[in-house]
Amino acid sequence: MKKAIILAVCSLTLIGSTFANAEVVKKVTTHKTQTGHVKKVVKHNRYGDKIVKKTKCSYGNCKTVKKVK
């Protein structure tokens, strides 16, 4: 009985810690201009690096820039 209670408490703490450490993986913002739009995607890879991918479109011509911070 004691082993079951200890196991249940340990499993609940592990589940709680995974939810507490959860963060936003991907964030997308779009900004419209008169001639086109700008789309910015911010995400984190598994090493914790921040990756910013920005796409600028003007009159149908799109250019994408990717930066690792």
N, C-alpha and C. Protein backbone atom coordinates (compact mmCIF):
# COMPACT_ATOMS: atom_id res chain seq x y z
N MET A 1 0.83 -1.20 0.00
CA MET A 1 0.00 0.00 0.00
C MET A 1 0.87 1.25 0.00
N LYS A 2 1.92 1.25 0.82
CA LYS A 2 2.79 2.42 0.90
C LYS A 2 3.52 2.65 -0.42
N LYS A 3 3.93 1.55 -1.07
CA LYS A 3 4.62 1.69 -2.35
C LYS A 3 3.71 2.31 -3.40
N ALA A 4 2.45 1.94 -3.40
CA ALA A 4 1.50 2.49 -4.37
C ALA A 4 1.29 3.99 -4.14
N ILE A 5 1.21 4.40 -2.88
CA ILE A 5 1.02 5.82 -2.57
C ILE A 5 2.26 6.62 -2.96
N ILE A 6 3.44 6.10 -2.65
CA ILE A 6 4.68 6.80 -3.01
C ILE A 6 4.81 6.89 -4.52
N LEU A 7 4.49 5.84 -5.23
CA LEU A 7 4.56 5.84 -6.69
C LEU A 7 3.59 6.85 -7.28
N ALA A 8 2.39 6.93 -6.72
CA ALA A 8 1.39 7.88 -7.22
C ALA A 8 1.85 9.32 -6.99
N VAL A 9 2.43 9.61 -5.84
CA VAL A 9 2.92 10.96 -5.55
C VAL A 9 4.06 11.33 -6.48
N CYS A 10 4.98 10.41 -6.71
CA CYS A 10 6.11 10.68 -7.61
C CYS A 10 5.64 10.93 -9.03
N SER A 11 4.68 10.15 -9.50
CA SER A 11 4.19 10.32 -10.87
C SER A 11 3.47 11.66 -11.02
N LEU A 12 2.73 12.07 -9.99
CA LEU A 12 2.05 13.37 -10.06
C LEU A 12 3.04 14.52 -10.08
N THR A 13 4.12 14.42 -9.34
CA THR A 13 5.12 15.50 -9.35
C THR A 13 5.82 15.57 -10.69
N LEU A 14 6.06 14.42 -11.32
CA LEU A 14 6.69 14.43 -12.64
C LEU A 14 5.78 15.05 -13.68
N ILE A 15 4.50 14.72 -13.64
CA ILE A 15 3.55 15.30 -14.59
C ILE A 15 3.43 16.80 -14.37
N GLY A 16 3.39 17.23 -13.12
CA GLY A 16 3.30 18.65 -12.82
C GLY A 16 4.52 19.42 -13.29
N SER A 17 5.70 18.82 -13.18
CA SER A 17 6.92 19.51 -13.59
C SER A 17 6.97 19.70 -15.10
N THR A 18 6.44 18.73 -15.86
CA THR A 18 6.45 18.89 -17.31
C THR A 18 5.52 20.01 -17.75
N PHE A 19 4.38 20.18 -17.08
CA PHE A 19 3.48 21.27 -17.43
C PHE A 19 4.04 22.62 -16.98
N ALA A 20 4.75 22.65 -15.87
CA ALA A 20 5.30 23.90 -15.36
C ALA A 20 6.41 24.42 -16.26
N ASN A 21 7.18 23.52 -16.87
CA ASN A 21 8.30 23.94 -17.72
C ASN A 21 7.89 24.14 -19.17
N ALA A 22 6.62 23.95 -19.48
CA ALA A 22 6.17 24.11 -20.86
C ALA A 22 6.23 25.58 -21.26
N GLU A 23 6.68 25.84 -22.48
CA GLU A 23 6.74 27.20 -22.98
C GLU A 23 6.21 27.23 -24.41
N VAL A 24 6.00 28.41 -24.92
CA VAL A 24 5.49 28.56 -26.27
C VAL A 24 6.56 28.09 -27.24
N VAL A 25 6.22 27.16 -28.10
CA VAL A 25 7.19 26.61 -29.03
C VAL A 25 7.28 27.47 -30.28
N LYS A 26 6.15 27.97 -30.76
CA LYS A 26 6.13 28.71 -32.01
C LYS A 26 5.17 29.88 -31.89
N LYS A 27 5.60 31.05 -32.33
CA LYS A 27 4.77 32.25 -32.27
C LYS A 27 4.80 32.90 -33.65
N VAL A 28 3.63 33.12 -34.24
CA VAL A 28 3.52 33.69 -35.58
C VAL A 28 2.79 35.01 -35.49
N THR A 29 3.39 36.07 -36.08
CA THR A 29 2.74 37.37 -36.15
C THR A 29 2.73 37.82 -37.60
N THR A 30 1.66 38.47 -38.02
CA THR A 30 1.54 38.98 -39.38
C THR A 30 1.19 40.46 -39.33
N HIS A 31 1.89 41.24 -40.14
CA HIS A 31 1.68 42.68 -40.22
C HIS A 31 1.41 43.04 -41.67
N LYS A 32 0.28 43.68 -41.95
CA LYS A 32 -0.07 44.05 -43.32
C LYS A 32 0.37 45.48 -43.61
N THR A 33 0.87 45.69 -44.82
CA THR A 33 1.24 47.02 -45.29
C THR A 33 0.41 47.34 -46.53
N GLN A 34 0.64 48.52 -47.11
CA GLN A 34 -0.12 48.89 -48.31
C GLN A 34 0.22 48.01 -49.50
N THR A 35 1.48 47.60 -49.61
CA THR A 35 1.92 46.86 -50.79
C THR A 35 2.07 45.37 -50.56
N GLY A 36 1.94 44.89 -49.32
CA GLY A 36 2.12 43.47 -49.06
C GLY A 36 1.96 43.16 -47.59
N HIS A 37 2.78 42.24 -47.10
CA HIS A 37 2.71 41.87 -45.69
C HIS A 37 4.06 41.38 -45.19
N VAL A 38 4.19 41.33 -43.87
CA VAL A 38 5.38 40.80 -43.21
C VAL A 38 4.92 39.72 -42.24
N LYS A 39 5.50 38.54 -42.36
CA LYS A 39 5.16 37.42 -41.48
C LYS A 39 6.41 37.06 -40.69
N LYS A 40 6.28 37.02 -39.37
CA LYS A 40 7.41 36.73 -38.49
C LYS A 40 7.09 35.49 -37.66
N VAL A 41 7.97 34.50 -37.72
CA VAL A 41 7.81 33.26 -36.97
C VAL A 41 8.98 33.13 -35.99
N VAL A 42 8.67 33.03 -34.71
CA VAL A 42 9.70 32.88 -33.67
C VAL A 42 9.49 31.52 -33.02
N LYS A 43 10.55 30.70 -32.99
CA LYS A 43 10.45 29.40 -32.34
C LYS A 43 11.80 29.04 -31.72
N HIS A 44 11.79 28.02 -30.88
CA HIS A 44 12.99 27.55 -30.20
C HIS A 44 13.27 26.12 -30.62
N ASN A 45 14.56 25.82 -30.86
CA ASN A 45 14.90 24.44 -31.18
C ASN A 45 15.19 23.68 -29.89
N ARG A 46 15.57 22.43 -30.01
CA ARG A 46 15.73 21.59 -28.81
C ARG A 46 16.94 21.98 -27.97
N TYR A 47 17.85 22.80 -28.53
CA TYR A 47 19.02 23.26 -27.78
C TYR A 47 18.76 24.58 -27.07
N GLY A 48 17.58 25.15 -27.24
CA GLY A 48 17.24 26.41 -26.58
C GLY A 48 17.56 27.63 -27.40
N ASP A 49 18.06 27.45 -28.63
CA ASP A 49 18.35 28.60 -29.49
C ASP A 49 17.06 29.19 -30.03
N LYS A 50 17.04 30.51 -30.14
CA LYS A 50 15.87 31.21 -30.66
C LYS A 50 16.05 31.39 -32.17
N ILE A 51 15.08 30.94 -32.94
CA ILE A 51 15.14 31.04 -34.39
C ILE A 51 14.04 31.99 -34.85
N VAL A 52 14.45 33.05 -35.56
CA VAL A 52 13.51 34.04 -36.07
C VAL A 52 13.52 33.95 -37.59
N LYS A 53 12.36 33.69 -38.16
CA LYS A 53 12.22 33.58 -39.60
C LYS A 53 11.24 34.66 -40.05
N LYS A 54 11.72 35.59 -40.86
CA LYS A 54 10.90 36.72 -41.27
C LYS A 54 10.71 36.69 -42.79
N THR A 55 9.46 36.77 -43.24
CA THR A 55 9.13 36.78 -44.66
C THR A 55 8.49 38.12 -44.99
N LYS A 56 9.10 38.85 -45.93
CA LYS A 56 8.55 40.13 -46.37
C LYS A 56 8.07 39.97 -47.81
N CYS A 57 6.81 40.32 -48.05
CA CYS A 57 6.25 40.25 -49.39
C CYS A 57 5.81 41.64 -49.81
N SER A 58 6.21 42.05 -51.00
CA SER A 58 5.83 43.35 -51.54
C SER A 58 5.54 43.18 -53.02
N TYR A 59 4.33 43.50 -53.43
CA TYR A 59 3.89 43.37 -54.82
C TYR A 59 4.09 41.95 -55.35
N GLY A 60 3.89 40.95 -54.51
CA GLY A 60 4.00 39.56 -54.94
C GLY A 60 5.40 38.98 -54.86
N ASN A 61 6.42 39.80 -54.57
CA ASN A 61 7.79 39.31 -54.43
C ASN A 61 8.07 39.06 -52.96
N CYS A 62 8.42 37.83 -52.62
CA CYS A 62 8.64 37.47 -51.22
C CYS A 62 10.12 37.17 -50.97
N LYS A 63 10.60 37.61 -49.82
CA LYS A 63 11.98 37.37 -49.42
C LYS A 63 11.97 36.87 -47.98
N THR A 64 12.68 35.77 -47.72
CA THR A 64 12.71 35.17 -46.39
C THR A 64 14.11 35.29 -45.80
N VAL A 65 14.17 35.74 -44.54
CA VAL A 65 15.43 35.86 -43.82
C VAL A 65 15.32 35.02 -42.55
N LYS A 66 16.34 34.20 -42.29
CA LYS A 66 16.35 33.33 -41.11
C LYS A 66 17.55 33.67 -40.24
N LYS A 67 17.30 33.93 -38.95
CA LYS A 67 18.38 34.26 -38.01
C LYS A 67 18.30 33.32 -36.81
N VAL A 68 19.46 32.90 -36.33
CA VAL A 68 19.55 32.09 -35.12
C VAL A 68 20.19 32.96 -34.05
N LYS A 69 19.48 33.15 -32.94
CA LYS A 69 19.99 34.01 -31.87
C LYS A 69 20.30 33.19 -30.64
